[in-house]
Amino acid sequence: MKTVTLRDAATGNSASILIDLGFNCYEWTVQFADGPQDLLWAEDGFAAGDRRPSGSGIPLLFPFPGRIGHSQYSYEGRDYVLDHDPARPHALHGFVFNRPWKVIEQTDTKVVGEFHAAEVDPTILEHWPSDFTVVASYELVGNELRFEAEFANSGEGPLPWGFGTHAYLRLPMASGSATADTLLTAPLDREWPMVDMLPTGEQTKLAEDITFSGGLKLGERKFDTVYANAVEQGMVQTVVADPMSGRRVVQEYEASEYPVAVVYTPGDRQAVCIEPYTCVPDPFRLEKMGISTGLHVLKPGEKAATKVVLRAEE
């Protein structure tokens, strides 16, 4: 498995990206006052390529984030069936997180990768309305890990798409700290309830004990929940913080690009995820119900771009 490691000589920070499995940044080590700390969690052996592709590091979710119900959907009068894990009834997270990319540019602190669906795996075109190309980059700038991506419709028909990032932030965030004390802050004010892990289409107010905007203590809570952002314009900040050490990971993205965020706690509680999504999961079914989901469509030759920044603070 090909891996690229970025190093910033000025700060001593580094990041490792698994090129051959989803262009996944699975290590991000930052130099703190008490020494280096890897702020991303990845399962042991992930770099060898024999672990669940969506369960470590920063999986990139395109052209759909989250689930598509029962691994099938209809678009412009045609029915599509998606490949999926037989143990899971719904297709999950798109096509790019579990396939090889190629490096098209590299420096000490930046790497650019490309994924062209028809080139990587032509069978993708049997399951999606149009061919697509994703060009993405990771860059170390001070204590920031900057991610940028451009999505292009490289086919002949319309390209419906959604995108999400899925950073597994390591817990606890400092030696001697407790996972349960972790504070989660995000401008989330409504929940998209789910049945069988699929959104019903409704939106409900948050429970009284769920207060992300003011900082929510993780405690023993478990999440795999879709939320709506409370703001529609400007930069959004989500924060995962350790009150004992004062250490924080701030995530920034444009509110207008990401109306949805999923909060997820893996079963082992060694990480927490606040995942910005450009659309609600299972968007084709919901759009047929007349519910706006944020699903985008690119015409042939059109492109769209996005940026998500992670910043370590102490």
Protein backbone atom coordinates (compact mmCIF):
# COMPACT_ATOMS: atom_id res chain seq x y z
CA MET A 1 0.00 0.00 0.00
CA LYS A 2 1.45 3.33 -1.09
CA THR A 3 1.71 5.95 1.66
CA VAL A 4 2.83 9.57 1.44
CA THR A 5 4.08 11.32 4.57
CA LEU A 6 4.09 15.12 4.75
CA ARG A 7 6.50 16.92 7.11
CA ASP A 8 6.65 20.58 8.08
CA ALA A 9 10.23 21.36 9.08
CA ALA A 10 9.19 24.62 10.78
CA THR A 11 6.77 23.01 13.23
CA GLY A 12 7.78 19.34 13.28
CA ASN A 13 4.19 18.38 12.42
CA SER A 14 3.48 15.53 10.02
CA ALA A 15 0.63 13.75 8.24
CA SER A 16 0.44 10.37 6.50
CA ILE A 17 -1.95 9.62 3.64
CA LEU A 18 -2.80 6.14 2.37
CA ILE A 19 -2.93 6.70 -1.38
CA ASP A 20 -4.03 3.21 -2.39
CA LEU A 21 -7.06 3.16 -0.09
CA GLY A 22 -9.18 6.25 -0.50
CA PHE A 23 -6.50 8.96 -0.25
CA ASN A 24 -7.13 8.67 3.48
CA CYS A 25 -5.14 10.84 5.88
CA TYR A 26 -4.82 8.42 8.79
CA GLU A 27 -2.13 10.16 10.88
CA TRP A 28 -1.80 13.83 11.81
CA THR A 29 0.86 14.40 14.43
CA VAL A 30 1.17 17.81 16.07
CA GLN A 31 3.93 18.98 18.39
CA PHE A 32 2.48 20.13 21.71
CA ALA A 33 4.22 21.42 24.83
CA ASP A 34 4.27 17.91 26.32
CA GLY A 35 5.41 16.25 23.09
CA PRO A 36 3.95 14.98 19.80
CA GLN A 37 0.34 13.78 19.63
CA ASP A 38 -1.40 11.97 16.76
CA LEU A 39 -4.81 13.63 16.64
CA LEU A 40 -6.38 11.11 14.26
CA TRP A 41 -7.38 7.59 15.23
CA ALA A 42 -6.77 4.63 12.94
CA GLU A 43 -7.17 0.95 13.60
CA ASP A 44 -3.93 -1.00 14.05
CA GLY A 45 -2.84 -2.29 10.65
CA PHE A 46 -4.85 0.27 8.68
CA ALA A 47 -1.82 1.35 6.66
CA ALA A 48 -1.47 -2.22 5.36
CA GLY A 49 -4.86 -1.89 3.70
CA ASP A 50 -6.56 -4.79 5.44
CA ARG A 51 -8.90 -2.87 7.76
CA ARG A 52 -12.34 -1.38 7.17
CA PRO A 53 -11.74 1.56 4.78
CA SER A 54 -14.39 3.81 6.33
CA GLY A 55 -13.38 3.13 9.94
CA SER A 56 -10.13 5.09 10.37
CA GLY A 57 -8.40 8.38 9.61
CA ILE A 58 -10.33 10.69 7.31
CA PRO A 59 -12.48 8.75 4.83
CA LEU A 60 -13.61 10.86 1.87
CA LEU A 61 -17.27 10.26 1.01
CA PHE A 62 -18.24 10.84 -2.63
CA PRO A 63 -20.53 10.95 -4.61
CA PHE A 64 -22.81 10.21 -1.67
CA PRO A 65 -22.12 10.54 2.06
CA GLY A 66 -23.93 8.25 4.47
CA ARG A 67 -26.36 5.59 3.36
CA ILE A 68 -28.51 4.97 0.31
CA GLY A 69 -31.45 2.88 1.41
CA HIS A 70 -31.43 -0.79 0.46
CA SER A 71 -28.56 -0.04 -1.95
CA GLN A 72 -30.83 1.20 -4.71
CA TYR A 73 -32.24 4.44 -6.04
CA SER A 74 -33.87 5.96 -9.09
CA TYR A 75 -32.68 9.01 -11.03
CA GLU A 76 -34.20 10.54 -14.16
CA GLY A 77 -36.28 7.48 -14.91
CA ARG A 78 -33.52 4.91 -14.47
CA ASP A 79 -33.11 2.47 -11.58
CA TYR A 80 -29.65 1.87 -10.10
CA VAL A 81 -28.39 -0.86 -7.78
CA LEU A 82 -25.27 -0.29 -5.67
CA ASP A 83 -22.73 -2.79 -4.45
CA HIS A 84 -22.71 -3.13 -0.67
CA ASP A 85 -21.45 -5.20 2.21
CA PRO A 86 -23.79 -8.22 2.52
CA ALA A 87 -23.74 -7.72 6.29
CA ARG A 88 -25.14 -4.19 5.82
CA PRO A 89 -28.37 -3.70 3.82
CA HIS A 90 -27.65 -0.12 2.78
CA ALA A 91 -24.88 1.15 0.50
CA LEU A 92 -22.49 3.39 2.42
CA HIS A 93 -20.28 6.40 1.63
CA GLY A 94 -19.78 6.30 -2.12
CA PHE A 95 -17.00 4.93 -4.32
CA VAL A 96 -13.77 6.80 -3.57
CA PHE A 97 -13.01 5.88 0.06
CA ASN A 98 -12.16 2.23 -0.62
CA ARG A 99 -10.36 2.41 -3.97
CA PRO A 100 -6.88 3.52 -5.09
CA TRP A 101 -6.05 7.09 -6.06
CA LYS A 102 -2.98 8.43 -7.82
CA VAL A 103 -0.61 11.21 -6.78
CA ILE A 104 -0.37 14.03 -9.32
CA GLU A 105 1.64 16.55 -7.25
CA GLN A 106 3.76 16.37 -4.11
CA THR A 107 5.97 18.62 -1.97
CA ASP A 108 7.27 18.29 1.58
CA THR A 109 4.07 19.75 3.02
CA LYS A 110 1.41 19.08 0.38
CA VAL A 111 0.11 16.18 -1.69
CA VAL A 112 -2.49 16.26 -4.46
CA GLY A 113 -4.37 13.13 -5.50
CA GLU A 114 -6.76 12.29 -8.30
CA PHE A 115 -9.59 9.80 -8.68
CA HIS A 116 -11.17 9.33 -12.10
CA ALA A 117 -14.00 6.83 -11.81
CA ALA A 118 -13.82 5.41 -15.34
CA GLU A 119 -10.08 4.96 -15.04
CA VAL A 120 -10.00 3.48 -11.53
CA ASP A 121 -13.00 1.16 -11.85
CA PRO A 122 -15.22 1.30 -14.95
CA THR A 123 -17.94 -0.69 -13.18
CA ILE A 124 -18.73 2.44 -11.15
CA LEU A 125 -20.43 3.80 -14.28
CA GLU A 126 -22.96 0.98 -14.05
CA HIS A 127 -24.06 2.28 -10.64
CA TRP A 128 -23.98 6.09 -11.08
CA PRO A 129 -25.50 8.39 -13.72
CA SER A 130 -22.23 9.93 -14.94
CA ASP A 131 -18.46 9.59 -14.82
CA PHE A 132 -16.62 11.89 -12.40
CA THR A 133 -13.16 13.06 -11.41
CA VAL A 134 -12.10 14.20 -7.94
CA VAL A 135 -8.87 16.13 -7.37
CA ALA A 136 -8.09 16.55 -3.67
CA SER A 137 -5.19 17.80 -1.56
CA TYR A 138 -3.87 17.77 1.99
CA GLU A 139 -1.50 20.49 3.15
CA LEU A 140 0.28 21.18 6.46
CA VAL A 141 0.26 24.88 7.34
CA GLY A 142 1.43 25.58 10.90
CA ASN A 143 -0.89 23.65 13.20
CA GLU A 144 -3.50 23.24 10.46
CA LEU A 145 -4.31 20.30 8.22
CA ARG A 146 -5.96 21.82 5.16
CA PHE A 147 -8.09 19.73 2.82
CA GLU A 148 -9.35 20.96 -0.55
CA ALA A 149 -11.24 19.13 -3.28
CA GLU A 150 -12.61 19.79 -6.74
CA PHE A 151 -15.34 17.60 -8.22
CA ALA A 152 -15.81 17.45 -11.99
CA ASN A 153 -18.44 15.84 -14.18
CA SER A 154 -16.24 14.03 -16.70
CA GLY A 155 -19.13 12.11 -18.24
CA GLU A 156 -21.91 12.80 -20.70
CA GLY A 157 -24.94 12.97 -18.41
CA PRO A 158 -25.91 14.92 -15.28
CA LEU A 159 -23.87 14.08 -12.17
CA PRO A 160 -25.86 14.09 -8.92
CA TRP A 161 -23.47 14.31 -5.99
CA GLY A 162 -22.95 14.81 -2.31
CA PHE A 163 -19.74 14.88 -0.29
CA GLY A 164 -18.63 14.49 3.29
CA THR A 165 -15.49 14.11 5.37
CA HIS A 166 -15.36 11.67 8.26
CA ALA A 167 -12.41 12.56 10.51
CA TYR A 168 -11.90 10.18 13.44
CA LEU A 169 -10.50 12.48 16.13
CA ARG A 170 -8.57 10.50 18.71
CA LEU A 171 -9.81 10.31 22.32
CA PRO A 172 -8.70 11.09 24.92
CA MET A 173 -6.85 14.07 23.52
CA ALA A 174 -4.06 14.19 26.13
CA SER A 175 -2.32 11.84 28.52
CA GLY A 176 -4.26 11.56 31.79
CA SER A 177 -7.46 12.96 30.31
CA ALA A 178 -10.78 11.10 30.23
CA THR A 179 -12.80 10.47 27.08
CA ALA A 180 -16.03 11.16 28.97
CA ASP A 181 -14.88 14.71 29.77
CA THR A 182 -14.49 15.62 26.10
CA LEU A 183 -16.56 18.64 25.04
CA LEU A 184 -18.26 18.81 21.63
CA THR A 185 -19.27 22.21 20.25
CA ALA A 186 -21.07 22.76 16.95
CA PRO A 187 -23.88 25.02 15.64
CA LEU A 188 -26.41 22.19 15.37
CA ASP A 189 -30.02 22.91 16.24
CA ARG A 190 -32.21 20.18 14.68
CA GLU A 191 -32.08 16.43 14.26
CA TRP A 192 -33.02 14.37 11.23
CA PRO A 193 -34.61 11.33 12.96
CA MET A 194 -33.83 7.94 11.45
CA VAL A 195 -35.56 4.59 11.16
CA ASP A 196 -33.41 1.63 10.16
CA MET A 197 -30.50 4.11 9.90
CA LEU A 198 -32.30 6.12 7.20
CA PRO A 199 -33.69 9.66 7.63
CA THR A 200 -37.47 9.79 7.79
CA GLY A 201 -37.55 13.25 6.20
CA GLU A 202 -38.70 15.00 9.36
CA GLN A 203 -36.65 17.48 11.39
CA THR A 204 -37.09 17.75 15.14
CA LYS A 205 -35.80 20.00 17.90
CA LEU A 206 -32.90 18.74 19.94
CA ALA A 207 -33.58 17.05 23.24
CA GLU A 208 -33.14 19.38 26.23
CA ASP A 209 -29.95 17.62 27.32
CA ILE A 210 -28.31 17.97 23.87
CA THR A 211 -26.74 21.42 23.70
CA PHE A 212 -24.00 21.39 21.09
CA SER A 213 -23.98 25.16 20.70
CA GLY A 214 -22.86 25.70 24.28
CA GLY A 215 -20.51 22.73 24.48
CA LEU A 216 -21.79 19.22 25.19
CA LYS A 217 -19.96 16.92 27.57
CA LEU A 218 -19.61 13.57 25.84
CA GLY A 219 -20.02 11.49 28.99
CA GLU A 220 -21.31 8.03 28.09
CA ARG A 221 -23.39 9.25 25.16
CA LYS A 222 -23.41 7.36 21.89
CA PHE A 223 -24.13 9.01 18.57
CA ASP A 224 -24.72 8.04 14.96
CA THR A 225 -27.02 10.95 14.32
CA VAL A 226 -27.74 13.38 11.48
CA TYR A 227 -28.13 17.04 12.48
CA ALA A 228 -28.93 20.26 10.64
CA ASN A 229 -26.65 23.28 10.92
CA ALA A 230 -28.17 26.28 12.65
CA VAL A 231 -26.39 28.75 10.35
CA GLU A 232 -26.67 29.04 6.57
CA GLN A 233 -23.91 31.53 5.74
CA GLY A 234 -20.36 32.17 6.88
CA MET A 235 -17.74 29.89 8.32
CA VAL A 236 -18.83 27.11 10.65
CA GLN A 237 -16.60 25.96 13.50
CA THR A 238 -16.93 22.63 15.25
CA VAL A 239 -14.72 21.94 18.26
CA VAL A 240 -13.61 18.78 20.04
CA ALA A 241 -11.94 19.89 23.27
CA ASP A 242 -10.21 18.41 26.30
CA PRO A 243 -10.92 20.68 29.29
CA MET A 244 -8.07 19.28 31.38
CA SER A 245 -5.24 20.07 28.96
CA GLY A 246 -6.94 22.89 27.07
CA ARG A 247 -6.23 21.00 23.86
CA ARG A 248 -8.74 21.45 21.02
CA VAL A 249 -9.25 20.42 17.41
CA VAL A 250 -11.22 23.06 15.53
CA GLN A 251 -12.86 22.14 12.21
CA GLU A 252 -13.85 24.92 9.81
CA TYR A 253 -15.98 24.85 6.67
CA GLU A 254 -18.41 27.06 4.76
CA ALA A 255 -21.97 26.81 6.13
CA SER A 256 -23.57 27.24 2.72
CA GLU A 257 -21.72 24.16 1.43
CA TYR A 258 -22.49 21.89 4.38
CA PRO A 259 -26.04 22.15 5.75
CA VAL A 260 -25.71 18.83 7.58
CA ALA A 261 -23.34 17.25 10.08
CA VAL A 262 -23.27 13.72 11.45
CA VAL A 263 -22.02 13.15 14.98
CA TYR A 264 -20.66 9.63 15.42
CA THR A 265 -19.06 7.78 18.32
CA PRO A 266 -17.43 4.46 17.35
CA GLY A 267 -18.24 1.58 19.65
CA ASP A 268 -14.78 1.46 21.21
CA ARG A 269 -14.99 5.20 22.08
CA GLN A 270 -11.38 5.78 21.04
CA ALA A 271 -12.54 8.54 18.70
CA VAL A 272 -15.36 10.93 17.92
CA CYS A 273 -16.47 12.27 14.53
CA ILE A 274 -18.25 15.48 13.58
CA GLU A 275 -18.79 14.92 9.85
CA PRO A 276 -19.81 17.79 7.57
CA TYR A 277 -22.08 16.60 4.74
CA THR A 278 -23.22 18.58 1.70
CA CYS A 279 -26.50 16.66 1.68
CA VAL A 280 -28.70 14.48 3.85
CA PRO A 281 -28.10 10.72 3.52
CA ASP A 282 -30.42 8.78 1.18
CA PRO A 283 -31.16 11.96 -0.80
CA PHE A 284 -32.84 10.41 -3.86
CA ARG A 285 -35.69 8.94 -1.82
CA LEU A 286 -36.18 12.13 0.17
CA GLU A 287 -36.11 14.35 -2.94
CA LYS A 288 -38.89 12.20 -4.42
CA MET A 289 -40.87 13.00 -1.26
CA GLY A 290 -40.44 16.70 -2.00
CA ILE A 291 -37.85 17.20 0.76
CA SER A 292 -34.84 19.38 0.02
CA THR A 293 -31.67 17.49 0.94
CA GLY A 294 -28.80 19.55 -0.47
CA LEU A 295 -28.17 17.09 -3.31
CA HIS A 296 -26.18 18.84 -6.06
CA VAL A 297 -26.09 18.19 -9.81
CA LEU A 298 -23.22 19.02 -12.18
CA LYS A 299 -23.73 19.25 -15.91
CA PRO A 300 -21.12 17.63 -18.16
CA GLY A 301 -17.88 19.61 -17.87
CA GLU A 302 -18.98 21.51 -14.76
CA LYS A 303 -16.93 21.59 -11.55
CA ALA A 304 -17.45 22.37 -7.88
CA ALA A 305 -14.91 22.98 -5.12
CA THR A 306 -14.79 22.75 -1.34
CA LYS A 307 -12.42 23.18 1.61
CA VAL A 308 -12.31 21.81 5.17
CA VAL A 309 -9.65 22.81 7.70
CA LEU A 310 -8.62 21.05 10.92
CA ARG A 311 -6.62 23.17 13.38
CA ALA A 312 -4.94 22.03 16.58
CA GLU A 313 -4.92 24.45 19.51
CA GLU A 314 -3.59 24.32 23.06
